[in-house]
Amino acid sequence: MAKKRKASTAKGSRKNAASKIDQLLIEMSKNYTPPPPEVFAEVEDKWVRVKVRLMNWENMGFQLRVRESTNLYTIEQKIRERHGGSITNVVFWKDGVSPENEIGNKPGDLNNTLRSIFQFNQQAGRYLVNDSKNDGPKIKLQQEDEGNENPMSARSSKKFDLTEEVIEEECDYECTIFYDFTPFETDCPLLQNSPRLAELNSAENSRVTQRR
C-alpha cells in the first residue's frame, strides 16, 4: 500500500508542475509581440565585381566576381596565386590608398566580408555597377623607362598584352581594393639577374654566332 501511495503522490506532483508551466506559458504569450516578417526573410547573397589593383602598377590589376559574403582572406589567396605564392605581408586599402582606408591589416580582419567592409546599399546608391565613384583615385603608373632615351620597350622584341580581363557576367555591386606586399627575398644570383642583362647576353651570343 505504501508503494502505491508514493507512486500516486509522484504522479500528482508531476501534474501540478506541468499545470504551473502551462499557466506560465499562457501568461507569457499574452505579452509576446512577434518580430516583423523581414527578420526571418532570407538575406540574398548578391554578386560583386571586385577590381583588384596593385598600388602604383595599373597593369597588374585584375577583376573577381564573388559573392558579397566572401571574406578578405579569399581575396588575399587570389592575389597570392597571381604572384606565384611568393609574396608576404599583403596590405589592403578600399576605394583609395590612404591611412583611413586601410582594411585587413589587423589580426582577425581577414575574416571580414565584403559586405561588412563596403556596406553595400542599393537604396543609397553605394557601390552600384557602372558608378564612376567605384574606380578610386587615379594613380600614376610607374614606368621603368622614364627618362631613358632608348626605352626597354623599344629594345625588346617581346610583345606584352597588358589588357585587363573584364568580367562580363552580371553583378549587383562593384568595388575597388588596392594592395601592396613585401617582395620575395632571395640570395640566388639567377633570380636577382635583371631581365635587361639576359637580353644583352642573348644579343651578344647571337653576334658571336654570326661571326663564326
C-alpha atoms as a PDB file:
ATOM      1  CA  MET A   1       0.000   0.000   0.000  1.00  0.00           C
ATOM      2  CA  ALA A   2       2.839   2.368   0.854  1.00  0.00           C
ATOM      3  CA  LYS A   3       4.360   1.914  -2.616  1.00  0.00           C
ATOM      4  CA  LYS A   4       1.038   2.720  -4.329  1.00  0.00           C
ATOM      5  CA  ARG A   5       0.657   5.891  -2.241  1.00  0.00           C
ATOM      6  CA  LYS A   6       4.186   7.035  -3.158  1.00  0.00           C
ATOM      7  CA  ALA A   7       3.527   6.403  -6.866  1.00  0.00           C
ATOM      8  CA  SER A   8       0.255   8.326  -6.812  1.00  0.00           C
ATOM      9  CA  THR A   9       1.899  11.191  -4.938  1.00  0.00           C
ATOM     10  CA  ALA A  10       4.695  11.407  -7.554  1.00  0.00           C
ATOM     11  CA  LYS A  11       2.163  11.444 -10.410  1.00  0.00           C
ATOM     12  CA  GLY A  12       0.198  14.182  -8.684  1.00  0.00           C
ATOM     13  CA  SER A  13       3.279  16.368  -8.197  1.00  0.00           C
ATOM     14  CA  ARG A  14       4.249  15.984 -11.871  1.00  0.00           C
ATOM     15  CA  LYS A  15       0.738  17.008 -12.958  1.00  0.00           C
ATOM     16  CA  ASN A  16       0.857  20.070 -10.721  1.00  0.00           C
ATOM     17  CA  ALA A  17       4.256  21.074 -12.121  1.00  0.00           C
ATOM     18  CA  ALA A  18       3.031  20.661 -15.715  1.00  0.00           C
ATOM     19  CA  SER A  19      -0.062  22.713 -14.929  1.00  0.00           C
ATOM     20  CA  LYS A  20       2.030  25.536 -13.478  1.00  0.00           C
ATOM     21  CA  ILE A  21       4.275  25.563 -16.548  1.00  0.00           C
ATOM     22  CA  ASP A  22       1.234  25.744 -18.839  1.00  0.00           C
ATOM     23  CA  GLN A  23      -0.158  28.683 -16.879  1.00  0.00           C
ATOM     24  CA  LEU A  24       3.207  30.451 -17.033  1.00  0.00           C
ATOM     25  CA  LEU A  25       3.412  29.991 -20.810  1.00  0.00           C
ATOM     26  CA  ILE A  26      -0.106  31.365 -21.223  1.00  0.00           C
ATOM     27  CA  GLU A  27       0.779  34.482 -19.226  1.00  0.00           C
ATOM     28  CA  MET A  28       3.971  34.995 -21.228  1.00  0.00           C
ATOM     29  CA  SER A  29       2.159  34.626 -24.548  1.00  0.00           C
ATOM     30  CA  LYS A  30      -0.215  37.467 -23.640  1.00  0.00           C
ATOM     31  CA  ASN A  31       2.694  39.948 -23.580  1.00  0.00           C
ATOM     32  CA  TYR A  32       4.589  38.450 -26.530  1.00  0.00           C
ATOM     33  CA  THR A  33       4.976  40.563 -29.653  1.00  0.00           C
ATOM     34  CA  PRO A  34       6.155  38.565 -32.694  1.00  0.00           C
ATOM     35  CA  PRO A  35       9.032  40.065 -34.734  1.00  0.00           C
ATOM     36  CA  PRO A  36       8.289  41.501 -38.181  1.00  0.00           C
ATOM     37  CA  PRO A  37       8.397  39.074 -41.137  1.00  0.00           C
ATOM     38  CA  GLU A  38      11.520  40.693 -42.596  1.00  0.00           C
ATOM     39  CA  VAL A  39      13.525  39.390 -39.643  1.00  0.00           C
ATOM     40  CA  PHE A  40      13.026  35.861 -40.942  1.00  0.00           C
ATOM     41  CA  ALA A  41      13.479  36.784 -44.592  1.00  0.00           C
ATOM     42  CA  GLU A  42      16.416  35.112 -46.292  1.00  0.00           C
ATOM     43  CA  VAL A  43      19.247  37.562 -46.986  1.00  0.00           C
ATOM     44  CA  GLU A  44      20.221  37.402 -50.649  1.00  0.00           C
ATOM     45  CA  ASP A  45      23.949  36.928 -51.167  1.00  0.00           C
ATOM     46  CA  LYS A  46      24.490  39.204 -54.163  1.00  0.00           C
ATOM     47  CA  TRP A  47      27.287  39.246 -56.725  1.00  0.00           C
ATOM     48  CA  VAL A  48      30.146  41.747 -56.521  1.00  0.00           C
ATOM     49  CA  ARG A  49      32.690  42.704 -59.177  1.00  0.00           C
ATOM     50  CA  VAL A  50      35.920  43.395 -57.273  1.00  0.00           C
ATOM     51  CA  LYS A  51      38.560  45.441 -59.087  1.00  0.00           C
ATOM     52  CA  VAL A  52      41.870  44.444 -57.515  1.00  0.00           C
ATOM     53  CA  ARG A  53      44.707  46.940 -58.034  1.00  0.00           C
ATOM     54  CA  LEU A  54      48.380  46.673 -57.114  1.00  0.00           C
ATOM     55  CA  MET A  55      49.435  50.034 -55.707  1.00  0.00           C
ATOM     56  CA  ASN A  56      51.236  52.149 -58.339  1.00  0.00           C
ATOM     57  CA  TRP A  57      51.064  49.419 -61.015  1.00  0.00           C
ATOM     58  CA  GLU A  58      47.854  49.587 -63.038  1.00  0.00           C
ATOM     59  CA  ASN A  59      48.948  46.862 -65.451  1.00  0.00           C
ATOM     60  CA  MET A  60      48.865  44.333 -62.588  1.00  0.00           C
ATOM     61  CA  GLY A  61      45.156  44.844 -61.984  1.00  0.00           C
ATOM     62  CA  PHE A  62      42.581  42.094 -62.322  1.00  0.00           C
ATOM     63  CA  GLN A  63      38.920  41.500 -61.548  1.00  0.00           C
ATOM     64  CA  LEU A  64      36.996  38.963 -59.493  1.00  0.00           C
ATOM     65  CA  ARG A  65      33.316  38.063 -59.447  1.00  0.00           C
ATOM     66  CA  VAL A  66      32.448  36.864 -55.960  1.00  0.00           C
ATOM     67  CA  ARG A  67      29.573  36.872 -53.501  1.00  0.00           C
ATOM     68  CA  GLU A  68      29.315  39.745 -51.025  1.00  0.00           C
ATOM     69  CA  SER A  69      29.755  37.209 -48.216  1.00  0.00           C
ATOM     70  CA  THR A  70      33.300  36.494 -49.464  1.00  0.00           C
ATOM     71  CA  ASN A  71      35.898  37.339 -46.829  1.00  0.00           C
ATOM     72  CA  LEU A  72      39.121  39.250 -47.345  1.00  0.00           C
ATOM     73  CA  TYR A  73      41.192  36.123 -46.769  1.00  0.00           C
ATOM     74  CA  THR A  74      39.810  34.656 -50.018  1.00  0.00           C
ATOM     75  CA  ILE A  75      40.814  37.816 -51.893  1.00  0.00           C
ATOM     76  CA  GLU A  76      44.300  37.585 -50.382  1.00  0.00           C
ATOM     77  CA  GLN A  77      44.680  33.985 -51.569  1.00  0.00           C
ATOM     78  CA  LYS A  78      43.702  35.011 -55.116  1.00  0.00           C
ATOM     79  CA  ILE A  79      46.373  37.722 -55.015  1.00  0.00           C
ATOM     80  CA  ARG A  80      49.000  35.264 -53.787  1.00  0.00           C
ATOM     81  CA  GLU A  81      48.128  32.906 -56.638  1.00  0.00           C
ATOM     82  CA  ARG A  82      48.615  35.729 -59.136  1.00  0.00           C
ATOM     83  CA  HIS A  83      52.137  36.291 -57.807  1.00  0.00           C
ATOM     84  CA  GLY A  84      53.081  32.629 -57.653  1.00  0.00           C
ATOM     85  CA  GLY A  85      52.654  32.393 -53.885  1.00  0.00           C
ATOM     86  CA  SER A  86      55.993  34.125 -53.238  1.00  0.00           C
ATOM     87  CA  ILE A  87      54.742  37.305 -51.533  1.00  0.00           C
ATOM     88  CA  THR A  88      54.325  38.190 -47.857  1.00  0.00           C
ATOM     89  CA  ASN A  89      52.814  40.938 -45.690  1.00  0.00           C
ATOM     90  CA  VAL A  90      49.947  41.817 -48.023  1.00  0.00           C
ATOM     91  CA  VAL A  91      48.240  45.073 -47.026  1.00  0.00           C
ATOM     92  CA  PHE A  92      44.892  46.362 -48.294  1.00  0.00           C
ATOM     93  CA  TRP A  93      43.017  49.615 -48.853  1.00  0.00           C
ATOM     94  CA  LYS A  94      39.447  50.108 -50.009  1.00  0.00           C
ATOM     95  CA  ASP A  95      38.492  52.745 -52.608  1.00  0.00           C
ATOM     96  CA  GLY A  96      41.882  54.508 -52.483  1.00  0.00           C
ATOM     97  CA  VAL A  97      45.338  54.361 -50.925  1.00  0.00           C
ATOM     98  CA  SER A  98      45.206  56.373 -47.697  1.00  0.00           C
ATOM     99  CA  PRO A  99      45.585  55.595 -43.965  1.00  0.00           C
ATOM    100  CA  GLU A 100      41.856  55.913 -43.251  1.00  0.00           C
ATOM    101  CA  ASN A 101      41.053  53.361 -45.961  1.00  0.00           C
ATOM    102  CA  GLU A 102      43.235  50.548 -44.599  1.00  0.00           C
ATOM    103  CA  ILE A 103      41.439  47.211 -44.284  1.00  0.00           C
ATOM    104  CA  GLY A 104      42.532  43.739 -43.298  1.00  0.00           C
ATOM    105  CA  ASN A 105      45.756  44.883 -41.660  1.00  0.00           C
ATOM    106  CA  LYS A 106      44.863  43.957 -38.072  1.00  0.00           C
ATOM    107  CA  PRO A 107      44.596  40.478 -36.526  1.00  0.00           C
ATOM    108  CA  GLY A 108      41.268  38.924 -37.461  1.00  0.00           C
ATOM    109  CA  ASP A 109      40.445  41.481 -40.179  1.00  0.00           C
ATOM    110  CA  LEU A 110      40.876  38.916 -42.947  1.00  0.00           C
ATOM    111  CA  ASN A 111      37.661  37.284 -41.714  1.00  0.00           C
ATOM    112  CA  ASN A 112      35.665  40.407 -42.573  1.00  0.00           C
ATOM    113  CA  THR A 113      33.347  40.020 -45.552  1.00  0.00           C
ATOM    114  CA  LEU A 114      32.989  42.399 -48.478  1.00  0.00           C
ATOM    115  CA  ARG A 115      29.504  43.196 -47.191  1.00  0.00           C
ATOM    116  CA  SER A 116      30.820  44.344 -43.821  1.00  0.00           C
ATOM    117  CA  ILE A 117      33.763  46.244 -45.324  1.00  0.00           C
ATOM    118  CA  PHE A 118      31.952  48.210 -48.028  1.00  0.00           C
ATOM    119  CA  GLN A 119      28.426  48.338 -46.544  1.00  0.00           C
ATOM    120  CA  PHE A 120      26.748  47.772 -49.920  1.00  0.00           C
ATOM    121  CA  ASN A 121      23.413  49.565 -50.208  1.00  0.00           C
ATOM    122  CA  GLN A 122      21.283  49.768 -53.341  1.00  0.00           C
ATOM    123  CA  GLN A 123      18.853  52.297 -51.860  1.00  0.00           C
ATOM    124  CA  ALA A 124      21.674  54.692 -51.025  1.00  0.00           C
ATOM    125  CA  GLY A 125      23.329  54.037 -54.381  1.00  0.00           C
ATOM    126  CA  ARG A 126      26.564  52.818 -52.828  1.00  0.00           C
ATOM    127  CA  TYR A 127      28.955  50.759 -54.971  1.00  0.00           C
ATOM    128  CA  LEU A 128      26.459  50.137 -57.730  1.00  0.00           C
ATOM    129  CA  VAL A 129      27.734  48.741 -61.029  1.00  0.00           C
ATOM    130  CA  ASN A 130      28.966  51.294 -63.604  1.00  0.00           C
ATOM    131  CA  ASP A 131      29.342  54.003 -60.949  1.00  0.00           C
ATOM    132  CA  SER A 132      32.479  56.048 -61.645  1.00  0.00           C
ATOM    133  CA  LYS A 133      32.977  56.588 -57.901  1.00  0.00           C
ATOM    134  CA  ASN A 134      33.997  52.950 -57.563  1.00  0.00           C
ATOM    135  CA  ASP A 135      37.200  53.368 -59.551  1.00  0.00           C
ATOM    136  CA  GLY A 136      39.052  55.165 -56.780  1.00  0.00           C
ATOM    137  CA  PRO A 137      41.739  57.787 -57.402  1.00  0.00           C
ATOM    138  CA  LYS A 138      43.884  57.537 -60.481  1.00  0.00           C
ATOM    139  CA  ILE A 139      47.427  56.538 -59.536  1.00  0.00           C
ATOM    140  CA  LYS A 140      50.298  57.343 -61.857  1.00  0.00           C
ATOM    141  CA  LEU A 141      51.770  54.207 -63.381  1.00  0.00           C
ATOM    142  CA  GLN A 142      55.448  53.807 -62.578  1.00  0.00           C
ATOM    143  CA  GLN A 143      57.485  53.496 -65.731  1.00  0.00           C
ATOM    144  CA  GLU A 144      60.873  51.824 -65.602  1.00  0.00           C
ATOM    145  CA  ASP A 145      61.796  53.535 -68.868  1.00  0.00           C
ATOM    146  CA  GLU A 146      61.069  57.136 -67.814  1.00  0.00           C
ATOM    147  CA  GLY A 147      63.964  59.414 -68.688  1.00  0.00           C
ATOM    148  CA  ASN A 148      65.561  56.775 -70.887  1.00  0.00           C
ATOM    149  CA  GLU A 149      66.190  57.800 -74.495  1.00  0.00           C
ATOM    150  CA  ASN A 150      66.154  54.182 -75.584  1.00  0.00           C
ATOM    151  CA  PRO A 151      63.356  52.561 -73.565  1.00  0.00           C
ATOM    152  CA  MET A 152      63.274  48.859 -72.926  1.00  0.00           C
ATOM    153  CA  SER A 153      60.033  48.565 -74.890  1.00  0.00           C
ATOM    154  CA  ALA A 154      61.883  49.738 -77.994  1.00  0.00           C
ATOM    155  CA  ARG A 155      64.821  47.397 -77.474  1.00  0.00           C
ATOM    156  CA  SER A 156      62.753  44.327 -76.755  1.00  0.00           C
ATOM    157  CA  SER A 157      61.097  42.305 -79.471  1.00  0.00           C
ATOM    158  CA  LYS A 158      58.620  40.814 -76.979  1.00  0.00           C
ATOM    159  CA  LYS A 159      55.020  41.984 -77.045  1.00  0.00           C
ATOM    160  CA  PHE A 160      53.146  42.100 -73.752  1.00  0.00           C
ATOM    161  CA  ASP A 161      49.358  42.105 -73.524  1.00  0.00           C
ATOM    162  CA  LEU A 162      48.542  44.324 -70.539  1.00  0.00           C
ATOM    163  CA  THR A 163      44.817  44.401 -71.198  1.00  0.00           C
ATOM    164  CA  GLU A 164      42.877  43.621 -68.052  1.00  0.00           C
ATOM    165  CA  GLU A 165      40.395  40.788 -68.400  1.00  0.00           C
ATOM    166  CA  VAL A 166      36.979  42.318 -67.780  1.00  0.00           C
ATOM    167  CA  ILE A 167      34.247  40.252 -66.174  1.00  0.00           C
ATOM    168  CA  GLU A 168      31.142  40.325 -68.346  1.00  0.00           C
ATOM    169  CA  GLU A 169      28.807  38.394 -66.028  1.00  0.00           C
ATOM    170  CA  GLU A 170      26.104  40.414 -64.345  1.00  0.00           C
ATOM    171  CA  CYS A 171      26.935  41.827 -60.904  1.00  0.00           C
ATOM    172  CA  ASP A 172      24.903  43.766 -58.351  1.00  0.00           C
ATOM    173  CA  TYR A 173      27.762  45.777 -56.866  1.00  0.00           C
ATOM    174  CA  GLU A 174      31.224  46.943 -57.823  1.00  0.00           C
ATOM    175  CA  CYS A 175      34.147  47.958 -55.614  1.00  0.00           C
ATOM    176  CA  THR A 176      37.899  48.522 -55.751  1.00  0.00           C
ATOM    177  CA  ILE A 177      40.583  47.075 -53.471  1.00  0.00           C
ATOM    178  CA  PHE A 178      44.195  48.273 -53.610  1.00  0.00           C
ATOM    179  CA  TYR A 179      47.012  46.147 -52.232  1.00  0.00           C
ATOM    180  CA  ASP A 180      50.758  46.087 -51.716  1.00  0.00           C
ATOM    181  CA  PHE A 181      53.155  43.434 -50.450  1.00  0.00           C
ATOM    182  CA  THR A 182      56.728  42.595 -49.475  1.00  0.00           C
ATOM    183  CA  PRO A 183      58.602  41.027 -52.424  1.00  0.00           C
ATOM    184  CA  PHE A 184      60.212  37.645 -52.105  1.00  0.00           C
ATOM    185  CA  GLU A 185      63.761  37.967 -50.793  1.00  0.00           C
ATOM    186  CA  THR A 186      66.451  35.626 -52.082  1.00  0.00           C
ATOM    187  CA  ASP A 187      70.221  35.377 -52.396  1.00  0.00           C
ATOM    188  CA  CYS A 188      70.005  33.335 -55.580  1.00  0.00           C
ATOM    189  CA  PRO A 189      72.061  35.187 -58.262  1.00  0.00           C
ATOM    190  CA  LEU A 190      69.947  33.701 -61.039  1.00  0.00           C
ATOM    191  CA  LEU A 191      66.754  35.197 -59.619  1.00  0.00           C
ATOM    192  CA  GLN A 192      68.487  38.514 -58.967  1.00  0.00           C
ATOM    193  CA  ASN A 193      69.546  38.808 -62.614  1.00  0.00           C
ATOM    194  CA  SER A 194      67.945  41.726 -64.404  1.00  0.00           C
ATOM    195  CA  PRO A 195      65.817  40.846 -67.473  1.00  0.00           C
ATOM    196  CA  ARG A 196      67.779  43.502 -69.368  1.00  0.00           C
ATOM    197  CA  LEU A 197      71.020  41.665 -68.633  1.00  0.00           C
ATOM    198  CA  ALA A 198      69.507  38.487 -70.040  1.00  0.00           C
ATOM    199  CA  GLU A 199      68.588  40.323 -73.250  1.00  0.00           C
ATOM    200  CA  LEU A 200      72.112  41.746 -73.591  1.00  0.00           C
ATOM    201  CA  ASN A 201      73.635  38.308 -73.106  1.00  0.00           C
ATOM    202  CA  SER A 202      71.303  36.879 -75.730  1.00  0.00           C
ATOM    203  CA  ALA A 203      72.212  39.627 -78.201  1.00  0.00           C
ATOM    204  CA  GLU A 204      75.932  39.139 -77.538  1.00  0.00           C
ATOM    205  CA  ASN A 205      75.648  35.382 -78.064  1.00  0.00           C
ATOM    206  CA  SER A 206      73.866  35.885 -81.374  1.00  0.00           C
ATOM    207  CA  ARG A 207      76.614  38.245 -82.584  1.00  0.00           C
ATOM    208  CA  VAL A 208      79.305  35.721 -81.616  1.00  0.00           C
ATOM    209  CA  THR A 209      77.443  33.009 -83.515  1.00  0.00           C
ATOM    210  CA  GLN A 210      77.220  35.167 -86.645  1.00  0.00           C
ATOM    211  CA  ARG A 211      80.966  35.874 -86.579  1.00  0.00           C
ATOM    212  CA  ARG A 212      81.711  32.174 -86.598  1.00  0.00           C
END
